[in-house]
């Protein structure tokens, strides 16, 4: 019997596409209905909702659409994709404090057929952006590249090194029927032939997708989870890490921009709370909006030392059959970009033993979005 207090008991999604033909409200509703069906529960069992602050779906419209009679908990986490794993932390806080019994985490959007998520937009931005917009820093690729470039210069890392991660992600996606890039692997030569987005740092095949779709997870108490259809994915620990001089996008004020101190702080909390170490993690999903972010997280969580992610990846550690396979669903580059929530669904499936690219005997899965993370455990 597990000593953990909360578990994921249901997961659901829509198809991943570039043109869903439906509203974001419908995508969220479908994903939630699918997750509840998977959990063996109904809308009346739900009394909490958690999503990200950038989600456009109003909770009141959503409960009417899904058929949820009433809520006693709702919350939203900021920090963009870096906060995605923090949605689980909010759900756990609600359940273990007694403020909710069953919480649904969801995210849905039309980021390809609607407003292109990775493109400059006409939205109103906070005043601090006045330090950046005049210099042309108006897309995530441009913004993060200045952070990545310091790492490359310091450790002698090249774009070709980043490409080795992209090849692995696409290889995993190619054997995942849910992935947009199913049956479409790439070679390192393909990566190097793709056009520059920010030369000499990021190419097209270093970038995550812009996807249409919805994803949801159902969480409840560990005691209740034992009576539901699927093996629970217990929440061993969750953590959030923010540090002075850190930023959601603009990491330039950190004292050492070759590191990811927020992720290091998250790792410190997770290993302390669980008693685990990187050697105990059977597989991981790491937020990969751009391929270099995987390098920073591998080092921050202690899978390898500073500047060693290049060799760790090149030596095959993150591939299926390696010491810690990473993004077995294909990641945000290969499966879909649903702000990283879909990567946590893959973590749950690994614990259940139902992943399309199953890691044999997976008992501990790290799902990191950098500034937030969760460790799922088997019973």
Protein backbone atom coordinates (compact mmCIF):
# COMPACT_ATOMS: atom_id res chain seq x y z
CA UNK A 1 0.00 0.00 0.00
CA UNK A 2 1.29 3.47 -0.91
CA UNK A 3 1.98 6.12 1.70
CA UNK A 4 1.20 8.89 -0.78
CA UNK A 5 -1.86 11.10 -0.32
CA UNK A 6 -2.93 11.94 -3.87
CA UNK A 7 -3.01 10.14 -7.21
CA UNK A 8 -3.84 10.72 -10.84
CA UNK A 9 -6.70 8.36 -11.66
CA UNK A 10 -7.76 9.48 -15.13
CA UNK A 11 -6.21 11.02 -18.23
CA UNK A 12 -7.84 12.22 -21.43
CA UNK A 13 -7.09 14.19 -24.55
CA UNK A 14 -8.41 15.20 -27.92
CA UNK A 15 -6.57 14.47 -31.13
CA UNK A 16 -3.60 16.77 -31.78
CA UNK A 17 -3.91 18.77 -34.99
CA UNK A 18 -3.13 22.02 -36.73
CA UNK A 19 -6.79 22.88 -37.34
CA UNK A 20 -9.23 21.42 -34.81
CA UNK A 21 -12.33 23.02 -36.31
CA UNK A 22 -13.75 23.48 -32.79
CA UNK A 23 -13.71 26.09 -30.07
CA UNK A 24 -11.22 25.95 -27.22
CA UNK A 25 -14.18 25.42 -24.87
CA UNK A 26 -15.20 22.31 -26.79
CA UNK A 27 -11.62 21.00 -26.79
CA UNK A 28 -11.38 21.43 -23.02
CA UNK A 29 -14.79 19.82 -22.49
CA UNK A 30 -13.92 16.80 -24.64
CA UNK A 31 -10.59 16.27 -22.88
CA UNK A 32 -12.20 16.49 -19.44
CA UNK A 33 -15.03 14.12 -20.41
CA UNK A 34 -12.46 11.65 -21.76
CA UNK A 35 -10.39 11.87 -18.56
CA UNK A 36 -13.44 11.32 -16.35
CA UNK A 37 -14.51 8.34 -18.43
CA UNK A 38 -10.99 6.92 -18.11
CA UNK A 39 -11.19 7.40 -14.32
CA UNK A 40 -14.57 5.70 -14.04
CA UNK A 41 -16.05 8.92 -12.66
CA UNK A 42 -18.70 11.39 -13.81
CA UNK A 43 -18.99 15.18 -13.87
CA UNK A 44 -20.85 15.16 -10.55
CA UNK A 45 -17.74 13.74 -8.85
CA UNK A 46 -15.68 16.83 -9.70
CA UNK A 47 -15.45 19.70 -7.23
CA UNK A 48 -12.19 21.34 -8.31
CA UNK A 49 -10.57 22.68 -11.48
CA UNK A 50 -6.99 23.80 -12.09
CA UNK A 51 -5.47 25.25 -15.25
CA UNK A 52 -2.89 27.79 -16.36
CA UNK A 53 -3.43 31.54 -16.23
CA UNK A 54 -3.16 31.80 -20.01
CA UNK A 55 -6.02 29.34 -20.68
CA UNK A 56 -8.99 31.13 -22.28
CA UNK A 57 -11.70 28.85 -20.88
CA UNK A 58 -13.84 30.45 -18.20
CA UNK A 59 -14.49 27.98 -15.38
CA UNK A 60 -18.21 28.84 -15.22
CA UNK A 61 -18.74 28.20 -18.92
CA UNK A 62 -16.69 25.04 -18.64
CA UNK A 63 -18.63 23.45 -15.78
CA UNK A 64 -21.86 24.15 -17.68
CA UNK A 65 -20.42 22.57 -20.81
CA UNK A 66 -19.10 19.47 -19.03
CA UNK A 67 -22.06 19.12 -16.65
CA UNK A 68 -20.22 19.69 -13.36
CA UNK A 69 -22.91 20.77 -10.85
CA UNK A 70 -20.71 22.87 -8.55
CA UNK A 71 -17.12 23.75 -7.64
CA UNK A 72 -15.51 24.46 -4.32
CA UNK A 73 -11.96 24.89 -5.64
CA UNK A 74 -10.53 26.56 -8.72
CA UNK A 75 -7.06 27.98 -9.30
CA UNK A 76 -4.69 28.96 -12.07
CA UNK A 77 -0.90 28.88 -12.17
CA UNK A 78 1.21 31.49 -13.99
CA UNK A 79 4.77 31.28 -15.38
CA UNK A 80 3.81 30.04 -18.88
CA UNK A 81 4.92 26.53 -19.77
CA UNK A 82 7.37 26.62 -16.88
CA UNK A 83 4.37 26.43 -14.57
CA UNK A 84 2.64 23.49 -16.22
CA UNK A 85 3.68 20.89 -13.64
CA UNK A 86 2.60 23.34 -10.96
CA UNK A 87 -1.01 22.60 -11.85
CA UNK A 88 -0.55 19.25 -10.11
CA UNK A 89 0.80 21.03 -7.04
CA UNK A 90 -2.38 23.13 -6.88
CA UNK A 91 -4.55 20.04 -7.21
CA UNK A 92 -2.61 18.20 -4.49
CA UNK A 93 -2.88 21.22 -2.18
CA UNK A 94 -6.65 21.28 -2.61
CA UNK A 95 -7.13 17.54 -2.06
CA UNK A 96 -4.75 17.06 0.85
CA UNK A 97 -6.11 20.16 2.65
CA UNK A 98 -9.67 18.91 2.30
CA UNK A 99 -10.76 21.84 0.15
CA UNK A 100 -11.68 19.51 -2.73
CA UNK A 101 -12.15 15.79 -3.24
CA UNK A 102 -11.65 15.37 -6.99
CA UNK A 103 -9.76 17.93 -9.07
CA UNK A 104 -9.41 18.10 -12.83
CA UNK A 105 -6.30 19.67 -14.34
CA UNK A 106 -6.84 20.81 -17.94
CA UNK A 107 -5.38 22.87 -20.77
CA UNK A 108 -6.84 23.45 -24.23
CA UNK A 109 -6.18 25.85 -27.07
CA UNK A 110 -6.08 26.43 -30.80
CA UNK A 111 -2.56 27.77 -30.95
CA UNK A 112 -2.09 26.97 -34.61
CA UNK A 113 -5.46 27.60 -36.23
CA UNK A 114 -6.26 30.41 -33.82
CA UNK A 115 -3.66 32.94 -32.68
CA UNK A 116 -0.22 31.55 -33.57
CA UNK A 117 1.24 31.09 -30.11
CA UNK A 118 4.89 31.50 -31.02
CA UNK A 119 4.45 34.64 -33.10
CA UNK A 120 4.51 38.32 -32.09
CA UNK A 121 1.02 39.50 -31.21
CA UNK A 122 -0.85 42.72 -30.66
CA UNK A 123 -1.57 41.92 -27.02
CA UNK A 124 -0.99 44.44 -24.24
CA UNK A 125 2.19 43.53 -22.37
CA UNK A 126 3.43 44.58 -18.91
CA UNK A 127 5.62 47.71 -18.63
CA UNK A 128 8.78 45.67 -18.00
CA UNK A 129 8.64 44.52 -21.62
CA UNK A 130 9.77 48.05 -22.51
CA UNK A 131 13.29 46.83 -21.68
CA UNK A 132 13.07 44.14 -24.37
CA UNK A 133 10.60 44.91 -27.16
CA UNK A 134 12.60 47.85 -28.58
CA UNK A 135 15.43 45.38 -29.24
CA UNK A 136 13.21 43.02 -31.19
CA UNK A 137 12.76 40.43 -28.44
CA UNK A 138 9.15 39.64 -29.26
CA UNK A 139 9.03 35.82 -29.61
CA UNK A 140 10.10 33.00 -27.27
CA UNK A 141 12.75 31.82 -29.75
CA UNK A 142 14.47 35.20 -29.78
CA UNK A 143 14.09 35.74 -26.05
CA UNK A 144 15.46 32.40 -24.91
CA UNK A 145 18.26 32.34 -27.46
CA UNK A 146 20.21 34.97 -25.56
CA UNK A 147 20.16 32.68 -22.52
CA UNK A 148 21.10 29.61 -24.57
CA UNK A 149 23.92 31.41 -26.36
CA UNK A 150 25.86 32.00 -23.14
CA UNK A 151 25.64 28.26 -22.34
CA UNK A 152 26.86 27.39 -25.84
CA UNK A 153 29.80 29.77 -25.64
CA UNK A 154 30.85 28.69 -22.16
CA UNK A 155 30.77 24.93 -22.83
CA UNK A 156 31.55 24.87 -26.56
CA UNK A 157 28.13 23.44 -27.40
CA UNK A 158 26.92 23.71 -31.00
CA UNK A 159 23.55 23.64 -32.67
CA UNK A 160 24.45 20.18 -33.95
CA UNK A 161 24.64 19.05 -30.32
CA UNK A 162 21.13 20.36 -29.75
CA UNK A 163 20.04 18.49 -32.85
CA UNK A 164 20.89 15.15 -31.25
CA UNK A 165 18.08 15.72 -28.77
CA UNK A 166 15.65 16.66 -31.55
CA UNK A 167 16.45 13.41 -33.38
CA UNK A 168 15.65 11.37 -30.26
CA UNK A 169 12.39 13.23 -29.64
CA UNK A 170 11.24 12.64 -33.20
CA UNK A 171 12.29 8.98 -33.04
CA UNK A 172 10.06 8.52 -29.99
CA UNK A 173 7.20 10.41 -31.67
CA UNK A 174 7.51 8.20 -34.73
CA UNK A 175 6.32 5.17 -32.72
CA UNK A 176 3.56 7.04 -30.84
CA UNK A 177 0.28 6.97 -32.81
CA UNK A 178 -1.01 9.99 -30.84
CA UNK A 179 1.89 12.15 -32.00
CA UNK A 180 1.60 14.66 -34.83
CA UNK A 181 4.92 13.37 -36.17
CA UNK A 182 3.95 9.70 -35.94
CA UNK A 183 6.00 7.63 -38.43
CA UNK A 184 8.08 10.71 -39.31
CA UNK A 185 11.51 10.41 -37.67
CA UNK A 186 14.38 12.69 -38.66
CA UNK A 187 18.13 12.33 -38.98
CA UNK A 188 20.79 14.70 -37.72
CA UNK A 189 21.34 15.71 -41.35
CA UNK A 190 17.64 16.65 -41.58
CA UNK A 191 18.03 18.76 -38.47
CA UNK A 192 21.10 20.53 -39.81
CA UNK A 193 19.36 21.20 -43.12
CA UNK A 194 16.34 22.87 -41.47
CA UNK A 195 16.23 26.64 -41.68
CA UNK A 196 17.59 28.92 -39.01
CA UNK A 197 15.15 30.53 -36.60
CA UNK A 198 17.86 32.31 -34.59
CA UNK A 199 21.32 31.75 -36.07
CA UNK A 200 23.53 30.12 -34.79
CA UNK A 201 21.40 28.89 -31.89
CA UNK A 202 18.02 27.49 -32.95
CA UNK A 203 16.87 25.83 -36.14
CA UNK A 204 13.30 25.00 -37.09
CA UNK A 205 13.73 21.43 -35.86
CA UNK A 206 14.82 22.70 -32.43
CA UNK A 207 11.40 24.25 -31.91
CA UNK A 208 8.25 22.81 -30.40
CA UNK A 209 5.06 22.68 -32.39
CA UNK A 210 2.08 24.99 -32.45
CA UNK A 211 -0.80 22.60 -31.81
CA UNK A 212 -4.57 22.52 -31.51
CA UNK A 213 -5.89 20.22 -28.80
CA UNK A 214 -6.92 19.62 -25.22
CA UNK A 215 -5.60 17.51 -22.35
CA UNK A 216 -6.96 16.71 -18.88
CA UNK A 217 -6.02 14.72 -15.78
CA UNK A 218 -8.21 13.69 -12.84
CA UNK A 219 -6.71 13.66 -9.33
CA UNK A 220 -8.23 12.38 -6.10
CA UNK A 221 -7.15 10.95 -2.76
CA UNK A 222 -5.00 7.85 -2.69
CA UNK A 223 -7.66 6.09 -0.61
CA UNK A 224 -10.32 6.66 -3.23
CA UNK A 225 -7.91 5.90 -6.08
CA UNK A 226 -7.58 2.28 -5.00
CA UNK A 227 -11.25 1.65 -5.88
CA UNK A 228 -11.01 3.06 -9.43
CA UNK A 229 -10.28 1.14 -12.67
CA UNK A 230 -6.63 1.96 -13.41
CA UNK A 231 -3.44 1.60 -11.37
CA UNK A 232 -2.99 4.98 -9.66
CA UNK A 233 -0.08 7.23 -10.52
CA UNK A 234 0.70 8.48 -7.03
CA UNK A 235 2.07 11.98 -6.57
CA UNK A 236 5.29 11.31 -4.66
CA UNK A 237 6.15 15.03 -4.53
CA UNK A 238 5.63 18.30 -6.34
CA UNK A 239 7.75 21.43 -6.24
CA UNK A 240 7.87 24.98 -7.54
CA UNK A 241 11.04 27.06 -7.64
CA UNK A 242 11.41 30.78 -8.24
CA UNK A 243 14.59 32.69 -7.43
CA UNK A 244 15.64 36.30 -7.19
CA UNK A 245 16.65 37.63 -10.64
CA UNK A 246 14.87 34.77 -12.41
CA UNK A 247 12.14 35.44 -14.94
CA UNK A 248 9.46 33.58 -16.86
CA UNK A 249 11.11 34.52 -20.15
CA UNK A 250 14.00 36.91 -19.63
CA UNK A 251 16.67 34.94 -17.75
CA UNK A 252 19.35 37.54 -18.41
CA UNK A 253 19.52 38.90 -14.85
CA UNK A 254 20.74 35.65 -13.31
CA UNK A 255 24.28 35.79 -11.90
CA UNK A 256 25.25 32.72 -13.97
CA UNK A 257 23.29 32.25 -17.18
CA UNK A 258 24.95 28.92 -17.93
CA UNK A 259 22.69 27.38 -15.24
CA UNK A 260 18.98 26.98 -14.53
CA UNK A 261 18.77 27.83 -10.80
CA UNK A 262 14.96 27.55 -10.65
CA UNK A 263 15.16 23.94 -11.82
CA UNK A 264 18.04 23.28 -9.40
CA UNK A 265 15.85 24.57 -6.55
CA UNK A 266 12.98 22.35 -7.69
CA UNK A 267 15.30 19.33 -7.86
CA UNK A 268 16.61 20.01 -4.36
CA UNK A 269 13.04 19.99 -3.01
CA UNK A 270 11.98 16.84 -4.89
CA UNK A 271 14.96 14.72 -3.89
CA UNK A 272 14.65 15.83 -0.26
CA UNK A 273 10.91 15.11 -0.04
CA UNK A 274 11.01 11.76 -1.79
CA UNK A 275 14.39 10.40 -0.68
CA UNK A 276 14.99 9.63 -4.35
CA UNK A 277 17.92 10.60 -6.57
CA UNK A 278 18.33 10.86 -10.35
CA UNK A 279 19.46 7.21 -10.36
CA UNK A 280 15.98 6.19 -9.10
CA UNK A 281 14.13 7.86 -11.98
CA UNK A 282 13.15 5.31 -14.61
CA UNK A 283 12.03 7.80 -17.25
CA UNK A 284 11.45 11.56 -17.46
CA UNK A 285 9.44 14.08 -19.40
CA UNK A 286 11.33 17.36 -19.67
CA UNK A 287 9.80 20.55 -21.03
CA UNK A 288 11.19 21.02 -24.52
CA UNK A 289 9.72 24.14 -26.04
CA UNK A 290 13.21 24.47 -27.52
CA UNK A 291 15.75 21.65 -27.54
CA UNK A 292 18.39 23.45 -25.38
CA UNK A 293 16.00 23.54 -22.41
CA UNK A 294 16.44 19.76 -22.09
CA UNK A 295 20.19 20.27 -21.65
CA UNK A 296 19.63 22.74 -18.81
CA UNK A 297 17.19 20.42 -17.03
CA UNK A 298 19.33 17.29 -17.33
CA UNK A 299 22.11 19.18 -15.57
CA UNK A 300 19.89 20.94 -13.02
CA UNK A 301 18.26 17.70 -11.86
CA UNK A 302 21.63 15.96 -11.55
CA UNK A 303 21.43 13.42 -14.35
CA UNK A 304 24.81 14.74 -15.42
CA UNK A 305 27.21 17.51 -14.43
CA UNK A 306 27.36 21.12 -15.69
CA UNK A 307 28.15 21.18 -19.40
CA UNK A 308 27.85 17.38 -19.66
CA UNK A 309 24.36 17.10 -21.17
CA UNK A 310 25.86 17.10 -24.67
CA UNK A 311 27.77 13.87 -23.96
CA UNK A 312 24.96 12.37 -21.86
CA UNK A 313 22.61 12.65 -24.85
CA UNK A 314 25.22 11.60 -27.42
CA UNK A 315 25.96 8.46 -25.38
CA UNK A 316 22.34 7.31 -25.67
CA UNK A 317 21.18 7.76 -22.08
CA UNK A 318 17.89 9.47 -23.01
CA UNK A 319 16.85 6.97 -25.69
CA UNK A 320 14.60 3.97 -25.21
CA UNK A 321 16.86 1.40 -23.62
CA UNK A 322 19.07 4.11 -22.13
CA UNK A 323 19.62 4.78 -18.43
CA UNK A 324 16.78 7.35 -18.33
CA UNK A 325 14.65 7.63 -21.48
CA UNK A 326 13.40 11.19 -21.94
CA UNK A 327 10.12 12.26 -23.57
CA UNK A 328 9.08 8.80 -24.67
CA UNK A 329 5.96 10.31 -26.27
CA UNK A 330 8.06 12.55 -28.51
CA UNK A 331 7.87 15.62 -26.30
CA UNK A 332 6.56 18.98 -27.35
CA UNK A 333 8.70 18.76 -30.49
CA UNK A 334 7.26 15.44 -31.63
CA UNK A 335 3.87 14.76 -30.04
CA UNK A 336 2.19 18.14 -29.50
CA UNK A 337 2.58 21.39 -27.61
CA UNK A 338 -0.27 21.53 -25.13
CA UNK A 339 1.84 23.66 -22.83
CA UNK A 340 3.48 20.60 -21.28
CA UNK A 341 0.33 19.11 -19.72
CA UNK A 342 0.44 16.32 -22.34
CA UNK A 343 3.91 15.40 -21.09
CA UNK A 344 2.52 14.72 -17.62
CA UNK A 345 -0.11 12.48 -19.20
CA UNK A 346 2.77 10.48 -20.67
CA UNK A 347 4.26 10.23 -17.18
CA UNK A 348 1.00 8.76 -15.88
CA UNK A 349 0.88 6.25 -18.73
CA UNK A 350 4.41 5.13 -17.98
CA UNK A 351 3.39 4.39 -14.37
CA UNK A 352 0.31 2.52 -15.60
CA UNK A 353 2.37 0.55 -18.11
CA UNK A 354 0.29 1.77 -21.07
CA UNK A 355 2.67 4.10 -22.92
CA UNK A 356 3.17 3.48 -26.62
CA UNK A 357 6.89 3.48 -25.80
CA UNK A 358 6.75 1.77 -22.45
CA UNK A 359 9.82 1.66 -20.22
CA UNK A 360 9.76 -1.77 -18.60
CA UNK A 361 9.09 -1.69 -14.87
CA UNK A 362 8.80 2.10 -14.63
CA UNK A 363 8.08 2.98 -10.99
CA UNK A 364 9.30 6.58 -10.69
CA UNK A 365 8.76 9.20 -13.37
CA UNK A 366 9.99 12.79 -13.24
CA UNK A 367 7.83 15.31 -15.11
CA UNK A 368 9.62 18.65 -15.21
CA UNK A 369 8.65 21.96 -16.70
CA UNK A 370 11.80 23.55 -15.28
CA UNK A 371 10.36 25.90 -12.67
CA UNK A 372 7.84 23.31 -11.52
CA UNK A 373 7.96 19.52 -11.43
CA UNK A 374 6.24 16.40 -10.13
CA UNK A 375 7.42 12.86 -9.43
CA UNK A 376 4.83 10.15 -10.11
CA UNK A 377 5.25 6.79 -8.41
CA UNK A 378 3.73 3.35 -8.77
CA UNK A 379 1.96 1.74 -5.80
